[in-house]
Each structure stands twice: as structure tokens, then as C-alpha cells.
PDB file of N, CA and C in Angstrom:
ATOM      1  N   UNK A   1       0.822  -1.175   0.134  1.00  0.00           N
ATOM      2  CA  UNK A   1       0.086  -0.430  -0.083  1.00  0.00           C
ATOM      3  C   UNK A   1       0.671   1.321  -0.564  1.00  0.00           C
ATOM      4  N   UNK A   2       0.103   2.432  -0.458  1.00  0.00           N
ATOM      5  CA  UNK A   2       1.203   3.309  -0.533  1.00  0.00           C
ATOM      6  C   UNK A   2       1.113   4.335   0.570  1.00  0.00           C
ATOM      7  N   UNK A   3       1.843   4.767   0.783  1.00  0.00           N
ATOM      8  CA  UNK A   3       2.559   5.044   2.761  1.00  0.00           C
ATOM      9  C   UNK A   3       2.042   6.629   2.634  1.00  0.00           C
ATOM     10  N   UNK A   4       2.168   6.773   1.414  1.00  0.00           N
ATOM     11  CA  UNK A   4       1.970   8.395   1.388  1.00  0.00           C
ATOM     12  C   UNK A   4       0.046   9.464   1.541  1.00  0.00           C
ATOM     13  N   UNK A   5      -0.459   8.269   0.982  1.00  0.00           N
ATOM     14  CA  UNK A   5      -1.988   8.767   0.695  1.00  0.00           C
ATOM     15  C   UNK A   5      -2.329   8.145   2.463  1.00  0.00           C
ATOM     16  N   UNK A   6      -3.717   9.444   2.734  1.00  0.00           N
ATOM     17  CA  UNK A   6      -4.222   9.184   3.750  1.00  0.00           C
ATOM     18  C   UNK A   6      -5.390   7.974   3.243  1.00  0.00           C
ATOM     19  N   UNK A   7      -5.770   6.877   4.438  1.00  0.00           N
ATOM     20  CA  UNK A   7      -6.908   6.148   4.996  1.00  0.00           C
ATOM     21  C   UNK A   7      -7.885   6.038   6.000  1.00  0.00           C
ATOM     22  N   UNK A   8      -8.257   5.275   5.396  1.00  0.00           N
ATOM     23  CA  UNK A   8      -9.817   5.420   6.160  1.00  0.00           C
ATOM     24  C   UNK A   8      -9.246   3.740   6.909  1.00  0.00           C
ATOM     25  N   UNK A   9      -9.530   3.412   8.965  1.00  0.00           N
ATOM     26  CA  UNK A   9      -8.952   1.827   8.517  1.00  0.00           C
ATOM     27  C   UNK A   9     -10.567   1.308   9.229  1.00  0.00           C
ATOM     28  N   UNK A  10     -11.582   0.635   8.843  1.00  0.00           N
ATOM     29  CA  UNK A  10     -12.847   0.353   9.231  1.00  0.00           C
ATOM     30  C   UNK A  10     -12.239  -1.294   9.814  1.00  0.00           C
ATOM     31  N   UNK A  11     -12.497  -1.495  10.860  1.00  0.00           N
ATOM     32  CA  UNK A  11     -12.133  -3.178  11.822  1.00  0.00           C
ATOM     33  C   UNK A  11     -13.523  -4.123  11.719  1.00  0.00           C
ATOM     34  N   UNK A  12     -13.930  -4.982  11.531  1.00  0.00           N
ATOM     35  CA  UNK A  12     -15.148  -5.481  11.446  1.00  0.00           C
ATOM     36  C   UNK A  12     -15.362  -7.075  12.438  1.00  0.00           C
ATOM     37  N   UNK A  13     -15.424  -6.976  13.920  1.00  0.00           N
ATOM     38  CA  UNK A  13     -14.678  -7.462  15.302  1.00  0.00           C
ATOM     39  C   UNK A  13     -15.259  -9.333  14.178  1.00  0.00           C
ATOM     40  N   UNK A  14     -16.447  -9.379  13.088  1.00  0.00           N
ATOM     41  CA  UNK A  14     -16.439 -10.267  12.752  1.00  0.00           C
ATOM     42  C   UNK A  14     -15.642 -11.617  12.028  1.00  0.00           C
ATOM     43  N   UNK A  15     -14.394 -10.993  11.893  1.00  0.00           N
ATOM     44  CA  UNK A  15     -13.327 -11.096  11.355  1.00  0.00           C
ATOM     45  C   UNK A  15     -12.305 -12.152  12.079  1.00  0.00           C
ATOM     46  N   UNK A  16     -12.226 -11.516  13.409  1.00  0.00           N
ATOM     47  CA  UNK A  16     -11.963 -12.451  14.550  1.00  0.00           C
ATOM     48  C   UNK A  16     -13.091 -13.996  14.437  1.00  0.00           C
ATOM     49  N   UNK A  17     -12.527 -15.002  14.987  1.00  0.00           N
ATOM     50  CA  UNK A  17     -12.812 -16.262  15.228  1.00  0.00           C
ATOM     51  C   UNK A  17     -12.958 -16.410  16.321  1.00  0.00           C
ATOM     52  N   UNK A  18     -14.596 -16.828  16.518  1.00  0.00           N
ATOM     53  CA  UNK A  18     -15.676 -16.613  17.668  1.00  0.00           C
ATOM     54  C   UNK A  18     -15.321 -17.355  19.248  1.00  0.00           C
ATOM     55  N   UNK A  19     -13.722 -18.393  18.907  1.00  0.00           N
ATOM     56  CA  UNK A  19     -13.193 -18.955  19.868  1.00  0.00           C
ATOM     57  C   UNK A  19     -12.833 -17.230  20.480  1.00  0.00           C
ATOM     58  N   UNK A  20     -12.253 -16.184  20.207  1.00  0.00           N
ATOM     59  CA  UNK A  20     -11.961 -15.158  20.484  1.00  0.00           C
ATOM     60  C   UNK A  20     -13.039 -14.044  21.105  1.00  0.00           C
ATOM     61  N   UNK A  21     -13.868 -13.885  20.172  1.00  0.00           N
ATOM     62  CA  UNK A  21     -14.748 -12.969  20.015  1.00  0.00           C
ATOM     63  C   UNK A  21     -15.933 -13.548  19.859  1.00  0.00           C
ATOM     64  N   UNK A  22     -16.536 -14.394  20.858  1.00  0.00           N
ATOM     65  CA  UNK A  22     -17.840 -14.527  20.111  1.00  0.00           C
ATOM     66  C   UNK A  22     -19.157 -13.931  20.395  1.00  0.00           C
ATOM     67  N   UNK A  23     -18.999 -12.365  21.265  1.00  0.00           N
ATOM     68  CA  UNK A  23     -20.059 -11.286  20.673  1.00  0.00           C
ATOM     69  C   UNK A  23     -19.947 -10.294  19.753  1.00  0.00           C
ATOM     70  N   UNK A  24     -20.606 -11.314  18.510  1.00  0.00           N
ATOM     71  CA  UNK A  24     -20.244 -10.293  17.465  1.00  0.00           C
ATOM     72  C   UNK A  24     -21.750 -10.735  16.380  1.00  0.00           C
ATOM     73  N   UNK A  25     -21.909  -9.662  15.445  1.00  0.00           N
ATOM     74  CA  UNK A  25     -23.510  -9.982  15.049  1.00  0.00           C
ATOM     75  C   UNK A  25     -23.287 -11.810  14.038  1.00  0.00           C
ATOM     76  N   UNK A  26     -22.141 -11.455  13.727  1.00  0.00           N
ATOM     77  CA  UNK A  26     -22.373 -13.099  13.003  1.00  0.00           C
ATOM     78  C   UNK A  26     -21.102 -13.774  13.162  1.00  0.00           C
ATOM     79  N   UNK A  27     -20.848 -14.404  13.901  1.00  0.00           N
ATOM     80  CA  UNK A  27     -19.598 -15.095  14.015  1.00  0.00           C
ATOM     81  C   UNK A  27     -20.187 -16.299  13.674  1.00  0.00           C
ATOM     82  N   UNK A  28     -18.462 -16.497  13.028  1.00  0.00           N
ATOM     83  CA  UNK A  28     -17.744 -17.536  11.499  1.00  0.00           C
ATOM     84  C   UNK A  28     -16.465 -18.197  12.019  1.00  0.00           C
ATOM     85  N   UNK A  29     -16.330 -19.589  12.291  1.00  0.00           N
ATOM     86  CA  UNK A  29     -15.399 -19.825  12.644  1.00  0.00           C
ATOM     87  C   UNK A  29     -14.268 -20.116  11.512  1.00  0.00           C
ATOM     88  N   UNK A  30     -12.992 -20.067  12.026  1.00  0.00           N
ATOM     89  CA  UNK A  30     -12.019 -19.804  11.459  1.00  0.00           C
ATOM     90  C   UNK A  30     -11.575 -18.302  10.777  1.00  0.00           C
ATOM     91  N   UNK A  31     -12.061 -17.405  12.182  1.00  0.00           N
ATOM     92  CA  UNK A  31     -11.284 -16.293  11.714  1.00  0.00           C
ATOM     93  C   UNK A  31     -10.025 -16.039  12.241  1.00  0.00           C
ATOM     94  N   UNK A  32      -9.527 -14.850  12.356  1.00  0.00           N
ATOM     95  CA  UNK A  32      -8.073 -14.436  12.770  1.00  0.00           C
ATOM     96  C   UNK A  32      -8.372 -14.733  14.284  1.00  0.00           C
ATOM     97  N   UNK A  33      -6.758 -15.178  14.333  1.00  0.00           N
ATOM     98  CA  UNK A  33      -6.718 -14.848  16.074  1.00  0.00           C
ATOM     99  C   UNK A  33      -6.496 -13.430  16.758  1.00  0.00           C
ATOM    100  N   UNK A  34      -6.105 -13.651  17.741  1.00  0.00           N
ATOM    101  CA  UNK A  34      -5.878 -12.082  18.180  1.00  0.00           C
ATOM    102  C   UNK A  34      -5.081 -11.932  18.237  1.00  0.00           C
ATOM    103  N   UNK A  35      -3.532 -12.357  18.094  1.00  0.00           N
ATOM    104  CA  UNK A  35      -2.149 -11.752  17.955  1.00  0.00           C
ATOM    105  C   UNK A  35      -2.141 -11.225  16.718  1.00  0.00           C
ATOM    106  N   UNK A  36      -2.966 -12.650  15.390  1.00  0.00           N
ATOM    107  CA  UNK A  36      -2.896 -11.551  14.310  1.00  0.00           C
ATOM    108  C   UNK A  36      -3.257  -9.905  13.537  1.00  0.00           C
ATOM    109  N   UNK A  37      -4.353 -10.251  14.462  1.00  0.00           N
ATOM    110  CA  UNK A  37      -5.358  -9.116  14.417  1.00  0.00           C
ATOM    111  C   UNK A  37      -4.782  -7.791  15.028  1.00  0.00           C
ATOM    112  N   UNK A  38      -4.263  -7.932  16.238  1.00  0.00           N
ATOM    113  CA  UNK A  38      -2.928  -7.106  16.952  1.00  0.00           C
ATOM    114  C   UNK A  38      -2.031  -6.388  16.466  1.00  0.00           C
ATOM    115  N   UNK A  39      -1.275  -7.353  15.498  1.00  0.00           N
ATOM    116  CA  UNK A  39      -0.289  -7.018  14.652  1.00  0.00           C
ATOM    117  C   UNK A  39      -0.827  -6.312  13.327  1.00  0.00           C
ATOM    118  N   UNK A  40      -1.891  -7.265  12.578  1.00  0.00           N
ATOM    119  CA  UNK A  40      -2.387  -6.219  11.405  1.00  0.00           C
ATOM    120  C   UNK A  40      -2.212  -4.588  11.540  1.00  0.00           C
ATOM    121  N   UNK A  41      -2.911  -4.526  12.745  1.00  0.00           N
ATOM    122  CA  UNK A  41      -3.602  -3.432  13.308  1.00  0.00           C
ATOM    123  C   UNK A  41      -2.900  -2.335  12.919  1.00  0.00           C
ATOM    124  N   UNK A  42      -1.804  -2.719  13.935  1.00  0.00           N
ATOM    125  CA  UNK A  42      -0.352  -2.225  14.488  1.00  0.00           C
ATOM    126  C   UNK A  42       0.388  -1.550  13.148  1.00  0.00           C
ATOM    127  N   UNK A  43       0.473  -2.553  12.245  1.00  0.00           N
ATOM    128  CA  UNK A  43       1.426  -2.376  11.121  1.00  0.00           C
ATOM    129  C   UNK A  43       0.806  -1.489  10.263  1.00  0.00           C
ATOM    130  N   UNK A  44      -0.458  -0.868  10.189  1.00  0.00           N
ATOM    131  CA  UNK A  44      -1.707  -0.223   9.451  1.00  0.00           C
ATOM    132  C   UNK A  44      -1.227   1.097  10.500  1.00  0.00           C
ATOM    133  N   UNK A  45      -1.125   0.851  11.836  1.00  0.00           N
ATOM    134  CA  UNK A  45      -1.010   2.455  12.415  1.00  0.00           C
ATOM    135  C   UNK A  45       0.203   3.142  12.388  1.00  0.00           C
ATOM    136  N   UNK A  46       1.526   1.854  12.213  1.00  0.00           N
ATOM    137  CA  UNK A  46       2.678   2.280  11.975  1.00  0.00           C
ATOM    138  C   UNK A  46       3.567   3.179  11.044  1.00  0.00           C
ATOM    139  N   UNK A  47       2.035   2.093   9.564  1.00  0.00           N
ATOM    140  CA  UNK A  47       2.997   2.391   8.678  1.00  0.00           C
ATOM    141  C   UNK A  47       2.090   3.274   7.210  1.00  0.00           C
ATOM    142  N   UNK A  48       1.217   3.166   7.695  1.00  0.00           N
ATOM    143  CA  UNK A  48       0.289   4.126   7.411  1.00  0.00           C
ATOM    144  C   UNK A  48      -0.382   5.096   7.277  1.00  0.00           C
ATOM    145  N   UNK A  49      -0.690   6.137   6.455  1.00  0.00           N
ATOM    146  CA  UNK A  49      -1.477   7.473   6.877  1.00  0.00           C
ATOM    147  C   UNK A  49      -3.275   7.497   7.298  1.00  0.00           C
ATOM    148  N   UNK A  50      -3.620   7.036   8.643  1.00  0.00           N
ATOM    149  CA  UNK A  50      -4.683   5.893   8.774  1.00  0.00           C
ATOM    150  C   UNK A  50      -5.582   8.153   9.615  1.00  0.00           C
ATOM    151  N   UNK A  51      -6.459   8.201   9.180  1.00  0.00           N
ATOM    152  CA  UNK A  51      -6.826   9.319   9.220  1.00  0.00           C
ATOM    153  C   UNK A  51      -8.199   9.573   9.720  1.00  0.00           C
ATOM    154  N   UNK A  52      -8.953   8.361  10.073  1.00  0.00           N
ATOM    155  CA  UNK A  52     -10.262   7.859  10.878  1.00  0.00           C
ATOM    156  C   UNK A  52     -10.000   6.628  10.640  1.00  0.00           C
ATOM    157  N   UNK A  53     -10.820   5.646  11.783  1.00  0.00           N
ATOM    158  CA  UNK A  53     -11.415   4.391  11.778  1.00  0.00           C
ATOM    159  C   UNK A  53     -12.345   4.143  12.285  1.00  0.00           C
ATOM    160  N   UNK A  54     -12.998   3.346  12.100  1.00  0.00           N
ATOM    161  CA  UNK A  54     -13.988   2.371  13.076  1.00  0.00           C
ATOM    162  C   UNK A  54     -14.092   1.316  13.634  1.00  0.00           C
ATOM    163  N   UNK A  55     -14.814   0.708  14.670  1.00  0.00           N
ATOM    164  CA  UNK A  55     -14.753  -0.814  14.695  1.00  0.00           C
ATOM    165  C   UNK A  55     -16.255  -1.274  14.714  1.00  0.00           C
ATOM    166  N   UNK A  56     -16.784  -2.200  14.281  1.00  0.00           N
ATOM    167  CA  UNK A  56     -17.714  -2.846  14.249  1.00  0.00           C
ATOM    168  C   UNK A  56     -18.201  -3.812  14.386  1.00  0.00           C
ATOM    169  N   UNK A  57     -19.443  -4.253  14.410  1.00  0.00           N
ATOM    170  CA  UNK A  57     -20.130  -5.446  14.487  1.00  0.00           C
ATOM    171  C   UNK A  57     -19.968  -6.269  16.421  1.00  0.00           C
ATOM    172  N   UNK A  58     -19.743  -5.392  16.965  1.00  0.00           N
ATOM    173  CA  UNK A  58     -19.430  -5.589  18.692  1.00  0.00           C
ATOM    174  C   UNK A  58     -20.746  -5.471  19.271  1.00  0.00           C
ATOM    175  N   UNK A  59     -21.001  -6.958  19.343  1.00  0.00           N
ATOM    176  CA  UNK A  59     -22.524  -7.060  19.950  1.00  0.00           C
ATOM    177  C   UNK A  59     -22.315  -7.746  21.970  1.00  0.00           C
ATOM    178  N   UNK A  60     -23.741  -8.023  22.212  1.00  0.00           N
ATOM    179  CA  UNK A  60     -23.501  -7.723  23.723  1.00  0.00           C
ATOM    180  C   UNK A  60     -23.168  -8.768  24.509  1.00  0.00           C
ATOM    181  N   UNK A  61     -22.744  -8.841  25.409  1.00  0.00           N
ATOM    182  CA  UNK A  61     -22.158  -9.858  26.369  1.00  0.00           C
ATOM    183  C   UNK A  61     -22.952 -11.223  26.277  1.00  0.00           C
ATOM    184  N   UNK A  62     -22.439 -12.648  26.073  1.00  0.00           N
ATOM    185  CA  UNK A  62     -22.825 -13.949  26.221  1.00  0.00           C
ATOM    186  C   UNK A  62     -22.667 -14.389  27.863  1.00  0.00           C
ATOM    187  N   UNK A  63     -21.294 -13.861  28.252  1.00  0.00           N
ATOM    188  CA  UNK A  63     -21.149 -14.355  29.742  1.00  0.00           C
ATOM    189  C   UNK A  63     -20.314 -13.170  30.276  1.00  0.00           C
ATOM    190  N   UNK A  64     -19.748 -13.550  31.650  1.00  0.00           N
ATOM    191  CA  UNK A  64     -19.356 -12.504  32.249  1.00  0.00           C
ATOM    192  C   UNK A  64     -18.687 -11.362  31.677  1.00  0.00           C
ATOM    193  N   UNK A  65     -17.786 -11.455  30.345  1.00  0.00           N
ATOM    194  CA  UNK A  65     -17.089 -10.619  30.259  1.00  0.00           C
ATOM    195  C   UNK A  65     -17.737 -10.856  28.658  1.00  0.00           C
ATOM    196  N   UNK A  66     -18.171  -9.621  28.045  1.00  0.00           N
ATOM    197  CA  UNK A  66     -17.722  -9.367  26.671  1.00  0.00           C
ATOM    198  C   UNK A  66     -16.494  -9.389  26.341  1.00  0.00           C
ATOM    199  N   UNK A  67     -15.832 -10.012  25.891  1.00  0.00           N
ATOM    200  CA  UNK A  67     -14.726 -10.829  24.980  1.00  0.00           C
ATOM    201  C   UNK A  67     -14.626  -9.961  23.722  1.00  0.00           C
ATOM    202  N   UNK A  68     -15.480  -9.686  22.946  1.00  0.00           N
ATOM    203  CA  UNK A  68     -15.375  -9.090  21.483  1.00  0.00           C
ATOM    204  C   UNK A  68     -15.009  -7.063  22.174  1.00  0.00           C
ATOM    205  N   UNK A  69     -15.735  -6.828  22.959  1.00  0.00           N
ATOM    206  CA  UNK A  69     -15.227  -5.225  23.041  1.00  0.00           C
ATOM    207  C   UNK A  69     -14.134  -5.200  24.232  1.00  0.00           C
ATOM    208  N   UNK A  70     -13.646  -6.307  24.633  1.00  0.00           N
ATOM    209  CA  UNK A  70     -11.572  -5.806  25.347  1.00  0.00           C
ATOM    210  C   UNK A  70     -10.923  -6.410  24.074  1.00  0.00           C
ATOM    211  N   UNK A  71     -10.836  -7.270  22.931  1.00  0.00           N
ATOM    212  CA  UNK A  71     -10.581  -6.884  22.233  1.00  0.00           C
ATOM    213  C   UNK A  71     -10.351  -5.670  20.968  1.00  0.00           C
ATOM    214  N   UNK A  72     -11.337  -5.360  20.736  1.00  0.00           N
ATOM    215  CA  UNK A  72     -12.014  -4.467  20.458  1.00  0.00           C
ATOM    216  C   UNK A  72     -11.061  -3.037  20.890  1.00  0.00           C
ATOM    217  N   UNK A  73     -11.127  -2.965  22.518  1.00  0.00           N
ATOM    218  CA  UNK A  73     -10.614  -2.164  23.124  1.00  0.00           C
ATOM    219  C   UNK A  73      -8.856  -2.225  22.738  1.00  0.00           C
ATOM    220  N   UNK A  74      -8.759  -3.040  22.485  1.00  0.00           N
ATOM    221  CA  UNK A  74      -6.906  -3.488  22.797  1.00  0.00           C
ATOM    222  C   UNK A  74      -6.458  -3.205  21.282  1.00  0.00           C
ATOM    223  N   UNK A  75      -7.635  -3.390  20.179  1.00  0.00           N
ATOM    224  CA  UNK A  75      -7.110  -2.737  18.336  1.00  0.00           C
ATOM    225  C   UNK A  75      -6.621  -1.350  18.753  1.00  0.00           C
ATOM    226  N   UNK A  76      -7.915  -1.069  19.464  1.00  0.00           N
ATOM    227  CA  UNK A  76      -8.590   0.319  19.099  1.00  0.00           C
ATOM    228  C   UNK A  76      -7.145   1.410  19.895  1.00  0.00           C
ATOM    229  N   UNK A  77      -6.368   0.947  21.363  1.00  0.00           N
ATOM    230  CA  UNK A  77      -5.203   1.193  21.704  1.00  0.00           C
ATOM    231  C   UNK A  77      -3.940   1.317  20.408  1.00  0.00           C
ATOM    232  N   UNK A  78      -3.934  -0.186  19.468  1.00  0.00           N
ATOM    233  CA  UNK A  78      -3.038   0.046  18.977  1.00  0.00           C
ATOM    234  C   UNK A  78      -2.809   1.023  18.114  1.00  0.00           C
ATOM    235  N   UNK A  79      -3.950   1.318  17.245  1.00  0.00           N
ATOM    236  CA  UNK A  79      -4.319   2.193  16.707  1.00  0.00           C
ATOM    237  C   UNK A  79      -4.383   3.858  16.854  1.00  0.00           C
ATOM    238  N   UNK A  80      -4.373   4.075  18.308  1.00  0.00           N
ATOM    239  CA  UNK A  80      -4.459   5.434  19.184  1.00  0.00           C
ATOM    240  C   UNK A  80      -2.751   5.776  19.479  1.00  0.00           C
ATOM    241  N   UNK A  81      -2.573   4.483  19.943  1.00  0.00           N
ATOM    242  CA  UNK A  81      -0.418   4.528  20.317  1.00  0.00           C
ATOM    243  C   UNK A  81       0.408   3.845  18.932  1.00  0.00           C
ATOM    244  N   UNK A  82      -0.069   3.656  17.710  1.00  0.00           N
ATOM    245  CA  UNK A  82       0.766   2.933  16.747  1.00  0.00           C
ATOM    246  C   UNK A  82       2.208   3.733  16.744  1.00  0.00           C
ATOM    247  N   UNK A  83       2.449   5.136  17.143  1.00  0.00           N
ATOM    248  CA  UNK A  83       4.167   5.467  17.063  1.00  0.00           C
ATOM    249  C   UNK A  83       4.585   4.566  18.197  1.00  0.00           C
ATOM    250  N   UNK A  84       4.128   4.629  19.439  1.00  0.00           N
ATOM    251  CA  UNK A  84       5.257   3.980  20.991  1.00  0.00           C
ATOM    252  C   UNK A  84       5.589   2.507  20.470  1.00  0.00           C
ATOM    253  N   UNK A  85       6.077   2.421  21.338  1.00  0.00           N
ATOM    254  CA  UNK A  85       7.126   1.392  20.966  1.00  0.00           C
ATOM    255  C   UNK A  85       6.410  -0.153  21.716  1.00  0.00           C
ATOM    256  N   UNK A  86       6.816  -0.928  21.507  1.00  0.00           N
ATOM    257  CA  UNK A  86       6.304  -1.976  22.419  1.00  0.00           C
ATOM    258  C   UNK A  86       6.350  -3.439  21.236  1.00  0.00           C
ATOM    259  N   UNK A  87       6.435  -4.606  22.216  1.00  0.00           N
ATOM    260  CA  UNK A  87       7.139  -6.043  21.670  1.00  0.00           C
ATOM    261  C   UNK A  87       6.243  -6.920  20.773  1.00  0.00           C
ATOM    262  N   UNK A  88       6.261  -6.798  19.234  1.00  0.00           N
ATOM    263  CA  UNK A  88       5.387  -7.493  18.641  1.00  0.00           C
ATOM    264  C   UNK A  88       5.049  -9.176  19.084  1.00  0.00           C
ATOM    265  N   UNK A  89       3.917  -9.131  18.879  1.00  0.00           N
ATOM    266  CA  UNK A  89       3.587 -10.687  19.651  1.00  0.00           C
ATOM    267  C   UNK A  89       3.542 -11.836  18.556  1.00  0.00           C
ATOM    268  N   UNK A  90       3.211 -11.448  17.567  1.00  0.00           N
ATOM    269  CA  UNK A  90       3.847 -12.059  15.999  1.00  0.00           C
ATOM    270  C   UNK A  90       4.997 -11.909  15.465  1.00  0.00           C
ATOM    271  N   UNK A  91       6.481 -12.483  15.419  1.00  0.00           N
ATOM    272  CA  UNK A  91       7.276 -12.171  15.101  1.00  0.00           C
ATOM    273  C   UNK A  91       6.816 -12.862  13.252  1.00  0.00           C
ATOM    274  N   UNK A  92       6.254 -13.607  12.524  1.00  0.00           N
ATOM    275  CA  UNK A  92       6.318 -13.486  11.287  1.00  0.00           C
ATOM    276  C   UNK A  92       4.761 -12.566  10.552  1.00  0.00           C
ATOM    277  N   UNK A  93       4.836 -11.567  11.145  1.00  0.00           N
ATOM    278  CA  UNK A  93       3.940 -10.691  10.523  1.00  0.00           C
ATOM    279  C   UNK A  93       4.847  -9.428  10.522  1.00  0.00           C
ATOM    280  N   UNK A  94       5.138  -8.907   8.906  1.00  0.00           N
ATOM    281  CA  UNK A  94       5.830  -7.756   9.350  1.00  0.00           C
ATOM    282  C   UNK A  94       5.105  -6.496   8.316  1.00  0.00           C
TER     283      UNK A  94
END
């Protein structure tokens, strides 16, 4: 992707595996794992000119905690603090 143009990042929680985030509108098995999603969003935040973003398809909780909302909040942190240093979870994503 061209790093010199502005981007709008829309992240649909449906893309995560329901084992990670079951509280979504359309849970489908075989989605992304949590660590891969964090690394992908972090890469976009660090290397692209993101001018806006949204997080969609987070639904009501089914259990004591809303895992989809927790995942969404962590992904949002990666977007907001994209220039901060951290240790990458998955060394295979660059």
C-alpha cells in the first residue's frame, strides 16, 4: 500500500474467530486469531497515514465478560498509540 496517501481503517470484529470474540453479529469459525489481528492493526497504524477509523460488529455480552469489546478496545489502543514502542506478538508478521 502507498504510505503517502490517507487511509480510513474499518475493522469488523466478525473477522476474529468466535473462540476469541463470540459477541458479534455474525460469528464465523476460522477467523483471525487475536495476536494476528493486533499485529495487522499495529502495522497499519505504524506505516500508513490513518486519518480515521471505526470498529464494528461488537455485540452484547453472552458471558460475564464481553470478549469482543475487550478485543476491540485493545485494537483501538494499537491505532491510537501506533507510534509507541512495544514487543511484537507474532514475529512472522512484518
